C-alpha atoms as a PDB file:
ATOM      1  CA  UNK A   1      20.355 178.074  -1.100  1.00  0.00           C
ATOM      2  CA  UNK A   2      20.772 176.287   2.514  1.00  0.00           C
ATOM      3  CA  UNK A   3      22.770 174.678   4.279  1.00  0.00           C
ATOM      4  CA  UNK A   4      22.724 171.235   5.458  1.00  0.00           C
ATOM      5  CA  UNK A   5      25.911 169.964   6.921  1.00  0.00           C
ATOM      6  CA  UNK A   6      29.014 171.521   7.290  1.00  0.00           C
ATOM      7  CA  UNK A   7      32.573 170.825   8.380  1.00  0.00           C
ATOM      8  CA  UNK A   8      36.174 172.159   8.889  1.00  0.00           C
ATOM      9  CA  UNK A   9      39.037 171.567   6.834  1.00  0.00           C
ATOM     10  CA  UNK A  10      42.670 171.699   7.946  1.00  0.00           C
ATOM     11  CA  UNK A  11      46.108 171.341   6.618  1.00  0.00           C
ATOM     12  CA  UNK A  12      49.621 171.289   7.902  1.00  0.00           C
ATOM     13  CA  UNK A  13      51.471 174.787   8.406  1.00  0.00           C
ATOM     14  CA  UNK A  14      55.123 174.331   9.960  1.00  0.00           C
ATOM     15  CA  UNK A  15      54.149 171.664  12.349  1.00  0.00           C
ATOM     16  CA  UNK A  16      50.627 173.146  13.032  1.00  0.00           C
ATOM     17  CA  UNK A  17      47.446 172.658  11.703  1.00  0.00           C
ATOM     18  CA  UNK A  18      45.480 175.828  10.316  1.00  0.00           C
ATOM     19  CA  UNK A  19      42.204 176.244   9.373  1.00  0.00           C
ATOM     20  CA  UNK A  20      41.883 176.189   5.436  1.00  0.00           C
ATOM     21  CA  UNK A  21      38.364 175.553   4.197  1.00  0.00           C
ATOM     22  CA  UNK A  22      34.809 174.863   5.303  1.00  0.00           C
ATOM     23  CA  UNK A  23      33.016 171.839   3.715  1.00  0.00           C
ATOM     24  CA  UNK A  24      29.105 172.112   3.082  1.00  0.00           C
ATOM     25  CA  UNK A  25      26.704 170.282   1.769  1.00  0.00           C
ATOM     26  CA  UNK A  26      23.827 172.882   0.556  1.00  0.00           C
ATOM     27  CA  UNK A  27      20.321 172.629  -0.768  1.00  0.00           C
ATOM     28  CA  UNK A  28      19.304 174.514  -3.953  1.00  0.00           C
ATOM     29  CA  UNK A  29      15.935 174.059  -6.136  1.00  0.00           C
ATOM     30  CA  UNK A  30      15.724 170.574  -3.832  1.00  0.00           C
ATOM     31  CA  UNK A  31      18.823 169.275  -5.227  1.00  0.00           C
ATOM     32  CA  UNK A  32      21.613 168.742  -3.006  1.00  0.00           C
ATOM     33  CA  UNK A  33      25.563 169.916  -3.911  1.00  0.00           C
ATOM     34  CA  UNK A  34      28.931 170.103  -2.286  1.00  0.00           C
ATOM     35  CA  UNK A  35      30.766 173.375  -1.959  1.00  0.00           C
ATOM     36  CA  UNK A  36      33.732 174.904   0.455  1.00  0.00           C
ATOM     37  CA  UNK A  37      33.491 178.016   1.964  1.00  0.00           C
ATOM     38  CA  UNK A  38      36.747 180.495   2.977  1.00  0.00           C
ATOM     39  CA  UNK A  39      35.374 181.413   6.367  1.00  0.00           C
ATOM     40  CA  UNK A  40      34.345 179.607   9.339  1.00  0.00           C
ATOM     41  CA  UNK A  41      30.977 181.283   8.892  1.00  0.00           C
ATOM     42  CA  UNK A  42      30.268 180.915   5.432  1.00  0.00           C
ATOM     43  CA  UNK A  43      28.532 183.683   3.823  1.00  0.00           C
ATOM     44  CA  UNK A  44      26.636 181.859   0.559  1.00  0.00           C
ATOM     45  CA  UNK A  45      27.524 184.676  -2.575  1.00  0.00           C
ATOM     46  CA  UNK A  46      31.344 183.609  -1.311  1.00  0.00           C
ATOM     47  CA  UNK A  47      30.924 179.490  -1.813  1.00  0.00           C
ATOM     48  CA  UNK A  48      33.317 178.138  -4.329  1.00  0.00           C
ATOM     49  CA  UNK A  49      33.744 174.553  -5.901  1.00  0.00           C
ATOM     50  CA  UNK A  50      29.983 173.463  -5.940  1.00  0.00           C
ATOM     51  CA  UNK A  51      29.632 170.258  -7.179  1.00  0.00           C
ATOM     52  CA  UNK A  52      26.410 168.158  -7.753  1.00  0.00           C
ATOM     53  CA  UNK A  53      25.919 165.693  -4.764  1.00  0.00           C
ATOM     54  CA  UNK A  54      24.911 162.457  -6.647  1.00  0.00           C
ATOM     55  CA  UNK A  55      22.738 160.022  -4.408  1.00  0.00           C
ATOM     56  CA  UNK A  56      21.179 158.065  -6.645  1.00  0.00           C
ATOM     57  CA  UNK A  57      22.018 154.563  -7.449  1.00  0.00           C
ATOM     58  CA  UNK A  58      25.530 154.702  -5.637  1.00  0.00           C
ATOM     59  CA  UNK A  59      24.795 151.851  -3.469  1.00  0.00           C
ATOM     60  CA  UNK A  60      26.220 148.647  -4.754  1.00  0.00           C
ATOM     61  CA  UNK A  61      24.049 146.104  -5.767  1.00  0.00           C
ATOM     62  CA  UNK A  62      22.736 143.076  -3.875  1.00  0.00           C
ATOM     63  CA  UNK A  63      24.551 139.717  -4.134  1.00  0.00           C
ATOM     64  CA  UNK A  64      22.596 136.536  -4.097  1.00  0.00           C
ATOM     65  CA  UNK A  65      24.924 135.212  -1.017  1.00  0.00           C
ATOM     66  CA  UNK A  66      24.357 138.132   1.175  1.00  0.00           C
ATOM     67  CA  UNK A  67      21.726 138.278   3.913  1.00  0.00           C
ATOM     68  CA  UNK A  68      18.393 140.210   3.128  1.00  0.00           C
ATOM     69  CA  UNK A  69      16.075 140.995   5.216  1.00  0.00           C
ATOM     70  CA  UNK A  70      12.648 143.842   5.433  1.00  0.00           C
ATOM     71  CA  UNK A  71      12.799 146.438   8.248  1.00  0.00           C
ATOM     72  CA  UNK A  72      12.439 144.985  11.586  1.00  0.00           C
ATOM     73  CA  UNK A  73      11.747 147.883  14.204  1.00  0.00           C
ATOM     74  CA  UNK A  74      13.901 146.282  16.654  1.00  0.00           C
ATOM     75  CA  UNK A  75      17.353 146.708  14.950  1.00  0.00           C
ATOM     76  CA  UNK A  76      19.040 149.750  13.938  1.00  0.00           C
ATOM     77  CA  UNK A  77      19.627 150.701  10.530  1.00  0.00           C
ATOM     78  CA  UNK A  78      23.481 152.560   9.545  1.00  0.00           C
ATOM     79  CA  UNK A  79      22.772 153.918   6.432  1.00  0.00           C
ATOM     80  CA  UNK A  80      25.713 156.129   4.697  1.00  0.00           C
ATOM     81  CA  UNK A  81      25.942 159.754   5.588  1.00  0.00           C
ATOM     82  CA  UNK A  82      25.698 162.640   3.206  1.00  0.00           C
ATOM     83  CA  UNK A  83      29.098 163.498   3.276  1.00  0.00           C
ATOM     84  CA  UNK A  84      29.947 159.895   2.525  1.00  0.00           C
ATOM     85  CA  UNK A  85      28.130 160.480  -1.020  1.00  0.00           C
ATOM     86  CA  UNK A  86      30.639 162.949  -1.479  1.00  0.00           C
ATOM     87  CA  UNK A  87      33.564 160.310  -2.269  1.00  0.00           C
ATOM     88  CA  UNK A  88      33.933 158.239  -5.504  1.00  0.00           C
ATOM     89  CA  UNK A  89      34.795 155.394  -3.609  1.00  0.00           C
ATOM     90  CA  UNK A  90      31.708 154.558  -1.914  1.00  0.00           C
ATOM     91  CA  UNK A  91      30.044 151.927  -4.059  1.00  0.00           C
ATOM     92  CA  UNK A  92      33.626 150.239  -2.848  1.00  0.00           C
ATOM     93  CA  UNK A  93      33.163 150.992   0.742  1.00  0.00           C
ATOM     94  CA  UNK A  94      29.921 149.603   1.116  1.00  0.00           C
ATOM     95  CA  UNK A  95      30.762 146.174  -0.434  1.00  0.00           C
ATOM     96  CA  UNK A  96      33.525 145.741   1.529  1.00  0.00           C
ATOM     97  CA  UNK A  97      31.391 146.087   4.499  1.00  0.00           C
ATOM     98  CA  UNK A  98      28.920 144.338   4.017  1.00  0.00           C
ATOM     99  CA  UNK A  99      31.351 141.592   2.386  1.00  0.00           C
ATOM    100  CA  UNK A 100      33.256 141.635   5.843  1.00  0.00           C
ATOM    101  CA  UNK A 101      29.699 141.820   7.742  1.00  0.00           C
ATOM    102  CA  UNK A 102      28.530 138.665   5.917  1.00  0.00           C
ATOM    103  CA  UNK A 103      31.911 136.879   6.607  1.00  0.00           C
ATOM    104  CA  UNK A 104      31.363 137.699  10.414  1.00  0.00           C
ATOM    105  CA  UNK A 105      27.156 136.953  10.378  1.00  0.00           C
ATOM    106  CA  UNK A 106      28.555 132.697  11.411  1.00  0.00           C
ATOM    107  CA  UNK A 107      31.214 133.914  13.639  1.00  0.00           C
ATOM    108  CA  UNK A 108      30.045 136.244  16.091  1.00  0.00           C
ATOM    109  CA  UNK A 109      32.071 137.713  18.772  1.00  0.00           C
ATOM    110  CA  UNK A 110      30.764 139.746  22.173  1.00  0.00           C
ATOM    111  CA  UNK A 111      33.262 142.508  21.124  1.00  0.00           C
ATOM    112  CA  UNK A 112      32.550 143.165  17.315  1.00  0.00           C
ATOM    113  CA  UNK A 113      29.436 144.579  15.997  1.00  0.00           C
ATOM    114  CA  UNK A 114      26.420 141.818  15.578  1.00  0.00           C
ATOM    115  CA  UNK A 115      24.798 141.528  11.953  1.00  0.00           C
ATOM    116  CA  UNK A 116      21.707 140.964  10.897  1.00  0.00           C
ATOM    117  CA  UNK A 117      21.826 141.381   7.223  1.00  0.00           C
ATOM    118  CA  UNK A 118      21.172 144.546   4.710  1.00  0.00           C
ATOM    119  CA  UNK A 119      18.317 146.388   3.826  1.00  0.00           C
ATOM    120  CA  UNK A 120      18.011 146.308   0.007  1.00  0.00           C
ATOM    121  CA  UNK A 121      15.524 148.759  -2.306  1.00  0.00           C
ATOM    122  CA  UNK A 122      15.666 147.921  -6.265  1.00  0.00           C
ATOM    123  CA  UNK A 123      18.425 145.555  -5.946  1.00  0.00           C
ATOM    124  CA  UNK A 124      20.560 147.513  -4.131  1.00  0.00           C
ATOM    125  CA  UNK A 125      22.175 147.973  -0.349  1.00  0.00           C
ATOM    126  CA  UNK A 126      20.706 150.836   1.537  1.00  0.00           C
ATOM    127  CA  UNK A 127      21.848 150.013   4.771  1.00  0.00           C
ATOM    128  CA  UNK A 128      22.890 147.530   7.755  1.00  0.00           C
ATOM    129  CA  UNK A 129      21.111 146.319  10.326  1.00  0.00           C
ATOM    130  CA  UNK A 130      23.080 146.409  13.653  1.00  0.00           C
ATOM    131  CA  UNK A 131      21.841 146.461  17.373  1.00  0.00           C
ATOM    132  CA  UNK A 132      20.762 149.452  18.894  1.00  0.00           C
ATOM    133  CA  UNK A 133      23.975 150.185  20.921  1.00  0.00           C
ATOM    134  CA  UNK A 134      25.510 153.554  22.635  1.00  0.00           C
ATOM    135  CA  UNK A 135      26.643 156.815  21.203  1.00  0.00           C
ATOM    136  CA  UNK A 136      30.351 156.487  20.119  1.00  0.00           C
ATOM    137  CA  UNK A 137      30.302 159.750  21.752  1.00  0.00           C
ATOM    138  CA  UNK A 138      30.760 157.765  25.330  1.00  0.00           C
ATOM    139  CA  UNK A 139      34.272 156.614  24.009  1.00  0.00           C
ATOM    140  CA  UNK A 140      35.659 159.765  22.702  1.00  0.00           C
ATOM    141  CA  UNK A 141      34.807 161.652  26.068  1.00  0.00           C
ATOM    142  CA  UNK A 142      36.198 158.769  28.215  1.00  0.00           C
ATOM    143  CA  UNK A 143      39.488 160.271  27.970  1.00  0.00           C
ATOM    144  CA  UNK A 144      38.988 162.955  30.331  1.00  0.00           C
ATOM    145  CA  UNK A 145      38.108 160.134  33.727  1.00  0.00           C
ATOM    146  CA  UNK A 146      39.806 157.357  32.830  1.00  0.00           C
ATOM    147  CA  UNK A 147      39.267 154.312  35.608  1.00  0.00           C
ATOM    148  CA  UNK A 148      39.799 150.559  35.597  1.00  0.00           C
ATOM    149  CA  UNK A 149      36.529 150.407  33.934  1.00  0.00           C
ATOM    150  CA  UNK A 150      37.512 152.158  31.151  1.00  0.00           C
ATOM    151  CA  UNK A 151      41.376 150.554  31.071  1.00  0.00           C
ATOM    152  CA  UNK A 152      39.462 146.928  30.909  1.00  0.00           C
ATOM    153  CA  UNK A 153      37.740 147.972  27.435  1.00  0.00           C
ATOM    154  CA  UNK A 154      40.956 147.656  26.077  1.00  0.00           C
ATOM    155  CA  UNK A 155      40.986 144.188  26.937  1.00  0.00           C
ATOM    156  CA  UNK A 156      37.997 143.561  25.170  1.00  0.00           C
ATOM    157  CA  UNK A 157      39.076 145.650  22.011  1.00  0.00           C
ATOM    158  CA  UNK A 158      42.182 143.526  21.830  1.00  0.00           C
ATOM    159  CA  UNK A 159      40.097 140.501  21.760  1.00  0.00           C
ATOM    160  CA  UNK A 160      37.594 142.125  19.135  1.00  0.00           C
ATOM    161  CA  UNK A 161      40.748 142.600  16.669  1.00  0.00           C
ATOM    162  CA  UNK A 162      42.060 139.117  17.076  1.00  0.00           C
ATOM    163  CA  UNK A 163      38.674 137.984  16.305  1.00  0.00           C
ATOM    164  CA  UNK A 164      38.661 139.629  13.098  1.00  0.00           C
ATOM    165  CA  UNK A 165      42.313 138.401  12.594  1.00  0.00           C
ATOM    166  CA  UNK A 166      41.071 134.975  13.191  1.00  0.00           C
ATOM    167  CA  UNK A 167      38.810 135.300   9.890  1.00  0.00           C
ATOM    168  CA  UNK A 168      40.776 136.782   7.744  1.00  0.00           C
ATOM    169  CA  UNK A 169      39.450 140.352   8.217  1.00  0.00           C
ATOM    170  CA  UNK A 170      41.910 143.379   8.916  1.00  0.00           C
ATOM    171  CA  UNK A 171      39.627 146.221  10.275  1.00  0.00           C
ATOM    172  CA  UNK A 172      42.338 149.091   9.128  1.00  0.00           C
ATOM    173  CA  UNK A 173      40.599 152.125  10.806  1.00  0.00           C
ATOM    174  CA  UNK A 174      40.507 151.267  14.718  1.00  0.00           C
ATOM    175  CA  UNK A 175      39.795 154.746  15.775  1.00  0.00           C
ATOM    176  CA  UNK A 176      37.653 156.030  19.017  1.00  0.00           C
ATOM    177  CA  UNK A 177      34.827 156.786  16.375  1.00  0.00           C
ATOM    178  CA  UNK A 178      34.939 153.349  15.453  1.00  0.00           C
ATOM    179  CA  UNK A 179      34.340 151.649  19.135  1.00  0.00           C
ATOM    180  CA  UNK A 180      30.934 151.680  20.328  1.00  0.00           C
ATOM    181  CA  UNK A 181      29.142 150.128  23.771  1.00  0.00           C
ATOM    182  CA  UNK A 182      26.594 147.343  24.282  1.00  0.00           C
ATOM    183  CA  UNK A 183      24.489 148.425  27.491  1.00  0.00           C
ATOM    184  CA  UNK A 184      26.317 146.371  29.990  1.00  0.00           C
ATOM    185  CA  UNK A 185      29.473 148.537  29.226  1.00  0.00           C
ATOM    186  CA  UNK A 186      30.774 146.030  26.904  1.00  0.00           C
ATOM    187  CA  UNK A 187      33.107 147.617  23.699  1.00  0.00           C
ATOM    188  CA  UNK A 188      31.960 147.002  20.054  1.00  0.00           C
ATOM    189  CA  UNK A 189      34.275 147.273  17.220  1.00  0.00           C
ATOM    190  CA  UNK A 190      32.173 148.794  14.341  1.00  0.00           C
ATOM    191  CA  UNK A 191      32.433 150.510  11.434  1.00  0.00           C
ATOM    192  CA  UNK A 192      33.842 147.798   8.523  1.00  0.00           C
ATOM    193  CA  UNK A 193      34.126 149.855   5.226  1.00  0.00           C
ATOM    194  CA  UNK A 194      38.008 149.948   5.622  1.00  0.00           C
ATOM    195  CA  UNK A 195      38.349 146.475   6.378  1.00  0.00           C
ATOM    196  CA  UNK A 196      40.541 144.136   3.587  1.00  0.00           C
ATOM    197  CA  UNK A 197      41.679 140.752   3.403  1.00  0.00           C
ATOM    198  CA  UNK A 198      44.951 141.128   1.941  1.00  0.00           C
ATOM    199  CA  UNK A 199      46.195 144.259   4.508  1.00  0.00           C
ATOM    200  CA  UNK A 200      48.695 143.413   7.154  1.00  0.00           C
ATOM    201  CA  UNK A 201      47.705 142.585  10.971  1.00  0.00           C
ATOM    202  CA  UNK A 202      50.079 145.227  12.071  1.00  0.00           C
ATOM    203  CA  UNK A 203      47.937 147.904  10.588  1.00  0.00           C
ATOM    204  CA  UNK A 204      44.837 146.737  13.293  1.00  0.00           C
ATOM    205  CA  UNK A 205      47.694 146.529  15.927  1.00  0.00           C
ATOM    206  CA  UNK A 206      49.709 150.132  15.740  1.00  0.00           C
ATOM    207  CA  UNK A 207      46.305 151.742  15.518  1.00  0.00           C
ATOM    208  CA  UNK A 208      45.444 149.805  18.722  1.00  0.00           C
ATOM    209  CA  UNK A 209      49.063 150.814  20.629  1.00  0.00           C
ATOM    210  CA  UNK A 210      47.704 154.406  19.537  1.00  0.00           C
ATOM    211  CA  UNK A 211      44.314 154.028  20.959  1.00  0.00           C
ATOM    212  CA  UNK A 212      45.758 152.785  24.426  1.00  0.00           C
ATOM    213  CA  UNK A 213      47.846 155.266  24.307  1.00  0.00           C
ATOM    214  CA  UNK A 214      45.746 158.153  23.649  1.00  0.00           C
ATOM    215  CA  UNK A 215      43.166 156.486  26.589  1.00  0.00           C
ATOM    216  CA  UNK A 216      45.662 155.514  29.656  1.00  0.00           C
ATOM    217  CA  UNK A 217      48.760 156.987  28.675  1.00  0.00           C
ATOM    218  CA  UNK A 218      51.326 153.568  28.426  1.00  0.00           C
ATOM    219  CA  UNK A 219      51.662 150.527  26.876  1.00  0.00           C
ATOM    220  CA  UNK A 220      50.871 147.788  29.254  1.00  0.00           C
ATOM    221  CA  UNK A 221      52.980 144.503  28.908  1.00  0.00           C
ATOM    222  CA  UNK A 222      49.570 142.815  29.547  1.00  0.00           C
ATOM    223  CA  UNK A 223      48.800 143.902  25.972  1.00  0.00           C
ATOM    224  CA  UNK A 224      52.313 142.822  23.771  1.00  0.00           C
ATOM    225  CA  UNK A 225      50.489 141.012  20.804  1.00  0.00           C
ATOM    226  CA  UNK A 226      52.155 137.546  20.708  1.00  0.00           C
ATOM    227  CA  UNK A 227      51.616 136.293  16.981  1.00  0.00           C
ATOM    228  CA  UNK A 228      51.448 132.674  15.613  1.00  0.00           C
END
């Protein structure tokens, strides 16, 4: 048995988060399984809750209205991470993301990730094509050295949010891990698997306020939201 991926899971105990278990993806006899370990350094003889990780035919079927491309080398192909296949909601998440991207395709915005189309095999979506953006870690580490450039990126993020809302799309997952950068430093909103067309706009506005406070430690008047 071989460990392919691992991630720590925590639980809240008396207002503090404590280690609960280690989530694992393991390979055994050529097949993938989800499992748990009670230790941060797992002993394979002690893992539990072992379940087969189904990866076949978990992706949604392509709709006739979707843009399907071959595999152009100049584009980045975004595919589900192995952890995603442990979720029973994977098909719906991919479906929501592609539908949001198809709606955005004829309405591009400099602060929203560009979508070129999806990749299909045997009639199912296996990934979506985007430009190659800079790593999300660029934004995750930016809190350590906030400067005027970092603060200015908030203008772009809120502009992207407002553009989504103008099209009736609520992102629902505005976090540092879902913001990437173009080569010129322009921030772009990415990852639309949590998008809804019927959610509240405040979901994104409240998340942006938390993001802003985390990044610069305040809520400047220039970012106050004007509805209507």
